[in-house]
């Protein structure tokens, strides 16, 4: 299983809405395995198809592996059915926007539906960090980034780092 290159901001791929996964076949299963390996190698907790230049509605996440309890999950064609009215404020990192933490308010729980790798529809309430991670990854599938959700003050503060990512110095 190869570690895939991670698309970096401001690559337009990150703004491209992803299309549904049409077939759950060996190619899809291999992509999911490669995405999990890539996420672990990058020490992330989630990774979306667009972040590895595959514009399909797939994301992987494992919110507990850094605490020693791996629980890898694969979400195909995910959608949020319901969200809490209450918001939680968290600092989010993104493997595609390294070094730019984003303070973001998101619903503190979501009711999600998706297909697993066996093609079985799953529905579950995700809360806490799982809810944050799933919303972050689902945003990627819709062409939205966590920096888009920052308030104006945070966006201004992050501007130099985002500019540096947009115009890396050449040696």
C-alpha atoms as a PDB file:
ATOM      1  CA  UNK A   1       0.000   0.000   0.000  1.00  0.00           C
ATOM      2  CA  UNK A   2       1.635   3.240  -1.074  1.00  0.00           C
ATOM      3  CA  UNK A   3       1.587   6.494   0.814  1.00  0.00           C
ATOM      4  CA  UNK A   4      -0.128   8.963  -1.494  1.00  0.00           C
ATOM      5  CA  UNK A   5       0.973  12.564  -2.041  1.00  0.00           C
ATOM      6  CA  UNK A   6      -1.233  15.037  -0.154  1.00  0.00           C
ATOM      7  CA  UNK A   7      -2.577  17.959  -2.178  1.00  0.00           C
ATOM      8  CA  UNK A   8      -1.457  21.255  -0.629  1.00  0.00           C
ATOM      9  CA  UNK A   9      -3.248  24.599  -0.381  1.00  0.00           C
ATOM     10  CA  UNK A  10      -3.921  26.551  -2.634  1.00  0.00           C
ATOM     11  CA  UNK A  11      -4.234  23.732  -5.208  1.00  0.00           C
ATOM     12  CA  UNK A  12      -7.625  24.130  -6.983  1.00  0.00           C
ATOM     13  CA  UNK A  13      -8.329  20.410  -6.390  1.00  0.00           C
ATOM     14  CA  UNK A  14      -9.163  21.342  -2.792  1.00  0.00           C
ATOM     15  CA  UNK A  15     -12.006  23.580  -4.024  1.00  0.00           C
ATOM     16  CA  UNK A  16     -13.500  21.010  -6.378  1.00  0.00           C
ATOM     17  CA  UNK A  17     -16.704  19.319  -5.181  1.00  0.00           C
ATOM     18  CA  UNK A  18     -16.309  15.546  -5.327  1.00  0.00           C
ATOM     19  CA  UNK A  19     -18.532  13.143  -7.224  1.00  0.00           C
ATOM     20  CA  UNK A  20     -20.198  10.083  -5.670  1.00  0.00           C
ATOM     21  CA  UNK A  21     -18.400   6.770  -5.477  1.00  0.00           C
ATOM     22  CA  UNK A  22     -20.186   4.631  -8.070  1.00  0.00           C
ATOM     23  CA  UNK A  23     -18.720   1.204  -7.360  1.00  0.00           C
ATOM     24  CA  UNK A  24     -17.372  -0.393  -4.228  1.00  0.00           C
ATOM     25  CA  UNK A  25     -14.793  -2.600  -5.874  1.00  0.00           C
ATOM     26  CA  UNK A  26     -11.144  -3.568  -5.463  1.00  0.00           C
ATOM     27  CA  UNK A  27     -10.048  -0.123  -6.662  1.00  0.00           C
ATOM     28  CA  UNK A  28     -12.202   1.630  -4.039  1.00  0.00           C
ATOM     29  CA  UNK A  29     -10.992  -0.730  -1.315  1.00  0.00           C
ATOM     30  CA  UNK A  30      -7.356  -0.140  -2.302  1.00  0.00           C
ATOM     31  CA  UNK A  31      -7.918   3.617  -2.329  1.00  0.00           C
ATOM     32  CA  UNK A  32      -9.378   3.443   1.187  1.00  0.00           C
ATOM     33  CA  UNK A  33      -6.417   1.376   2.418  1.00  0.00           C
ATOM     34  CA  UNK A  34      -3.934   3.760   0.780  1.00  0.00           C
ATOM     35  CA  UNK A  35      -5.735   6.776   2.251  1.00  0.00           C
ATOM     36  CA  UNK A  36      -5.586   5.275   5.745  1.00  0.00           C
ATOM     37  CA  UNK A  37      -1.874   4.529   5.347  1.00  0.00           C
ATOM     38  CA  UNK A  38      -1.293   8.066   4.063  1.00  0.00           C
ATOM     39  CA  UNK A  39      -3.262   9.586   6.965  1.00  0.00           C
ATOM     40  CA  UNK A  40      -1.286   7.598   9.548  1.00  0.00           C
ATOM     41  CA  UNK A  41       2.050   8.428   7.867  1.00  0.00           C
ATOM     42  CA  UNK A  42       1.163  12.129   7.955  1.00  0.00           C
ATOM     43  CA  UNK A  43       0.036  11.765  11.601  1.00  0.00           C
ATOM     44  CA  UNK A  44      -3.439  12.988  10.745  1.00  0.00           C
ATOM     45  CA  UNK A  45      -6.821  11.886  11.988  1.00  0.00           C
ATOM     46  CA  UNK A  46      -8.782  12.286   8.782  1.00  0.00           C
ATOM     47  CA  UNK A  47      -8.210  12.462   5.033  1.00  0.00           C
ATOM     48  CA  UNK A  48     -10.587  13.126   2.137  1.00  0.00           C
ATOM     49  CA  UNK A  49     -10.422  11.949  -1.468  1.00  0.00           C
ATOM     50  CA  UNK A  50      -9.732  15.442  -2.807  1.00  0.00           C
ATOM     51  CA  UNK A  51      -6.704  15.683  -0.519  1.00  0.00           C
ATOM     52  CA  UNK A  52      -5.073  12.838  -2.452  1.00  0.00           C
ATOM     53  CA  UNK A  53      -6.220  14.145  -5.871  1.00  0.00           C
ATOM     54  CA  UNK A  54      -9.130  11.707  -6.132  1.00  0.00           C
ATOM     55  CA  UNK A  55     -12.310  13.806  -6.488  1.00  0.00           C
ATOM     56  CA  UNK A  56     -14.608  11.086  -5.143  1.00  0.00           C
ATOM     57  CA  UNK A  57     -16.883  11.254  -2.088  1.00  0.00           C
ATOM     58  CA  UNK A  58     -14.719   9.171   0.222  1.00  0.00           C
ATOM     59  CA  UNK A  59     -13.001  10.023   3.450  1.00  0.00           C
ATOM     60  CA  UNK A  60     -11.205   8.074   6.132  1.00  0.00           C
ATOM     61  CA  UNK A  61     -10.732   8.917   9.773  1.00  0.00           C
ATOM     62  CA  UNK A  62      -9.356   7.501  12.981  1.00  0.00           C
ATOM     63  CA  UNK A  63      -9.906   9.796  15.927  1.00  0.00           C
ATOM     64  CA  UNK A  64      -8.360   7.574  18.601  1.00  0.00           C
ATOM     65  CA  UNK A  65      -5.208   6.040  17.127  1.00  0.00           C
ATOM     66  CA  UNK A  66      -2.902   8.678  18.641  1.00  0.00           C
ATOM     67  CA  UNK A  67      -4.138   7.628  22.086  1.00  0.00           C
ATOM     68  CA  UNK A  68      -3.230   4.000  21.334  1.00  0.00           C
ATOM     69  CA  UNK A  69      -6.673   2.742  20.332  1.00  0.00           C
ATOM     70  CA  UNK A  70      -6.821   2.518  16.525  1.00  0.00           C
ATOM     71  CA  UNK A  71     -10.348   2.606  15.095  1.00  0.00           C
ATOM     72  CA  UNK A  72     -10.035   3.247  11.336  1.00  0.00           C
ATOM     73  CA  UNK A  73     -13.248   4.184   9.547  1.00  0.00           C
ATOM     74  CA  UNK A  74     -14.124   4.608   5.876  1.00  0.00           C
ATOM     75  CA  UNK A  75     -17.034   6.779   4.735  1.00  0.00           C
ATOM     76  CA  UNK A  76     -18.367   6.509   1.166  1.00  0.00           C
ATOM     77  CA  UNK A  77     -20.875   9.059  -0.135  1.00  0.00           C
ATOM     78  CA  UNK A  78     -21.414  10.543   3.342  1.00  0.00           C
ATOM     79  CA  UNK A  79     -24.118  13.024   4.160  1.00  0.00           C
ATOM     80  CA  UNK A  80     -25.243  14.837   7.268  1.00  0.00           C
ATOM     81  CA  UNK A  81     -28.917  14.291   8.031  1.00  0.00           C
ATOM     82  CA  UNK A  82     -29.185  16.409  11.169  1.00  0.00           C
ATOM     83  CA  UNK A  83     -27.007  18.617  13.364  1.00  0.00           C
ATOM     84  CA  UNK A  84     -27.150  19.907  16.896  1.00  0.00           C
ATOM     85  CA  UNK A  85     -28.196  23.490  17.528  1.00  0.00           C
ATOM     86  CA  UNK A  86     -25.284  23.922  19.930  1.00  0.00           C
ATOM     87  CA  UNK A  87     -21.846  24.693  18.559  1.00  0.00           C
ATOM     88  CA  UNK A  88     -18.423  23.676  19.809  1.00  0.00           C
ATOM     89  CA  UNK A  89     -15.368  25.852  19.177  1.00  0.00           C
ATOM     90  CA  UNK A  90     -12.250  23.861  18.266  1.00  0.00           C
ATOM     91  CA  UNK A  91      -8.867  24.502  16.728  1.00  0.00           C
ATOM     92  CA  UNK A  92      -8.603  22.385  13.602  1.00  0.00           C
ATOM     93  CA  UNK A  93      -5.506  21.427  11.695  1.00  0.00           C
ATOM     94  CA  UNK A  94      -5.467  20.235   8.111  1.00  0.00           C
ATOM     95  CA  UNK A  95      -2.925  18.043   6.334  1.00  0.00           C
ATOM     96  CA  UNK A  96      -3.454  20.155   3.194  1.00  0.00           C
ATOM     97  CA  UNK A  97      -2.886  23.448   5.029  1.00  0.00           C
ATOM     98  CA  UNK A  98       0.103  22.678   7.273  1.00  0.00           C
ATOM     99  CA  UNK A  99       0.977  25.104  10.024  1.00  0.00           C
ATOM    100  CA  UNK A 100      -2.300  27.031   9.843  1.00  0.00           C
ATOM    101  CA  UNK A 101      -4.559  26.181  12.769  1.00  0.00           C
ATOM    102  CA  UNK A 102      -8.155  27.263  12.254  1.00  0.00           C
ATOM    103  CA  UNK A 103     -10.451  28.163  15.137  1.00  0.00           C
ATOM    104  CA  UNK A 104     -13.831  26.908  13.922  1.00  0.00           C
ATOM    105  CA  UNK A 105     -17.315  26.621  15.424  1.00  0.00           C
ATOM    106  CA  UNK A 106     -19.221  23.521  14.334  1.00  0.00           C
ATOM    107  CA  UNK A 107     -22.268  21.610  15.586  1.00  0.00           C
ATOM    108  CA  UNK A 108     -21.159  19.442  18.502  1.00  0.00           C
ATOM    109  CA  UNK A 109     -23.000  16.397  17.124  1.00  0.00           C
ATOM    110  CA  UNK A 110     -24.184  15.262  13.703  1.00  0.00           C
ATOM    111  CA  UNK A 111     -26.391  12.466  12.450  1.00  0.00           C
ATOM    112  CA  UNK A 112     -24.539  11.014   9.477  1.00  0.00           C
ATOM    113  CA  UNK A 113     -25.361   8.459   6.807  1.00  0.00           C
ATOM    114  CA  UNK A 114     -22.802   6.763   4.553  1.00  0.00           C
ATOM    115  CA  UNK A 115     -21.906   3.481   2.895  1.00  0.00           C
ATOM    116  CA  UNK A 116     -19.190   1.263   4.331  1.00  0.00           C
ATOM    117  CA  UNK A 117     -16.777  -0.804   2.220  1.00  0.00           C
ATOM    118  CA  UNK A 118     -19.311  -3.642   2.102  1.00  0.00           C
ATOM    119  CA  UNK A 119     -21.893  -1.320   0.545  1.00  0.00           C
ATOM    120  CA  UNK A 120     -23.994  -1.353   3.714  1.00  0.00           C
ATOM    121  CA  UNK A 121     -25.704   1.909   4.630  1.00  0.00           C
ATOM    122  CA  UNK A 122     -24.642   3.167   8.055  1.00  0.00           C
ATOM    123  CA  UNK A 123     -26.359   5.828  10.135  1.00  0.00           C
ATOM    124  CA  UNK A 124     -24.821   7.089  13.344  1.00  0.00           C
ATOM    125  CA  UNK A 125     -24.740  10.075  15.656  1.00  0.00           C
ATOM    126  CA  UNK A 126     -21.168  11.313  15.889  1.00  0.00           C
ATOM    127  CA  UNK A 127     -20.241  13.596  18.749  1.00  0.00           C
ATOM    128  CA  UNK A 128     -17.199  15.290  20.201  1.00  0.00           C
ATOM    129  CA  UNK A 129     -14.007  15.055  18.193  1.00  0.00           C
ATOM    130  CA  UNK A 130     -15.521  12.469  15.827  1.00  0.00           C
ATOM    131  CA  UNK A 131     -18.207  14.990  14.862  1.00  0.00           C
ATOM    132  CA  UNK A 132     -15.602  17.706  14.272  1.00  0.00           C
ATOM    133  CA  UNK A 133     -13.397  15.412  12.189  1.00  0.00           C
ATOM    134  CA  UNK A 134     -16.277  14.065  10.086  1.00  0.00           C
ATOM    135  CA  UNK A 135     -17.572  17.583   9.364  1.00  0.00           C
ATOM    136  CA  UNK A 136     -14.060  18.754   8.438  1.00  0.00           C
ATOM    137  CA  UNK A 137     -13.605  15.856   6.003  1.00  0.00           C
ATOM    138  CA  UNK A 138     -17.096  16.193   4.555  1.00  0.00           C
ATOM    139  CA  UNK A 139     -16.343  19.874   3.922  1.00  0.00           C
ATOM    140  CA  UNK A 140     -13.346  18.759   1.824  1.00  0.00           C
ATOM    141  CA  UNK A 141     -15.673  16.628  -0.297  1.00  0.00           C
ATOM    142  CA  UNK A 142     -17.784  19.743  -0.909  1.00  0.00           C
ATOM    143  CA  UNK A 143     -14.798  21.942  -1.827  1.00  0.00           C
ATOM    144  CA  UNK A 144     -14.830  23.847   1.452  1.00  0.00           C
ATOM    145  CA  UNK A 145     -11.840  24.300   3.766  1.00  0.00           C
ATOM    146  CA  UNK A 146     -11.671  24.930   7.488  1.00  0.00           C
ATOM    147  CA  UNK A 147     -10.058  28.312   6.805  1.00  0.00           C
ATOM    148  CA  UNK A 148     -13.304  29.341   5.094  1.00  0.00           C
ATOM    149  CA  UNK A 149     -15.066  29.039   8.462  1.00  0.00           C
ATOM    150  CA  UNK A 150     -12.646  31.243  10.393  1.00  0.00           C
ATOM    151  CA  UNK A 151     -13.884  34.613  11.586  1.00  0.00           C
ATOM    152  CA  UNK A 152     -12.388  37.754  10.074  1.00  0.00           C
ATOM    153  CA  UNK A 153      -9.890  38.330  12.903  1.00  0.00           C
ATOM    154  CA  UNK A 154      -8.553  34.773  12.658  1.00  0.00           C
ATOM    155  CA  UNK A 155      -8.402  34.966   8.872  1.00  0.00           C
ATOM    156  CA  UNK A 156      -6.340  38.177   9.028  1.00  0.00           C
ATOM    157  CA  UNK A 157      -4.013  36.572  11.580  1.00  0.00           C
ATOM    158  CA  UNK A 158      -3.581  33.505   9.339  1.00  0.00           C
ATOM    159  CA  UNK A 159      -3.053  35.557   6.197  1.00  0.00           C
ATOM    160  CA  UNK A 160       0.785  35.593   6.276  1.00  0.00           C
ATOM    161  CA  UNK A 161       0.933  31.804   6.681  1.00  0.00           C
ATOM    162  CA  UNK A 162      -1.608  31.278   3.884  1.00  0.00           C
ATOM    163  CA  UNK A 163       0.335  33.658   1.639  1.00  0.00           C
ATOM    164  CA  UNK A 164       3.521  31.714   2.377  1.00  0.00           C
ATOM    165  CA  UNK A 165       1.786  28.475   1.367  1.00  0.00           C
ATOM    166  CA  UNK A 166       0.493  30.147  -1.803  1.00  0.00           C
ATOM    167  CA  UNK A 167       3.922  31.468  -2.774  1.00  0.00           C
ATOM    168  CA  UNK A 168       6.587  29.157  -1.418  1.00  0.00           C
ATOM    169  CA  UNK A 169      10.079  30.521  -1.738  1.00  0.00           C
ATOM    170  CA  UNK A 170      12.212  28.820  -4.315  1.00  0.00           C
ATOM    171  CA  UNK A 171      15.841  28.106  -3.483  1.00  0.00           C
END
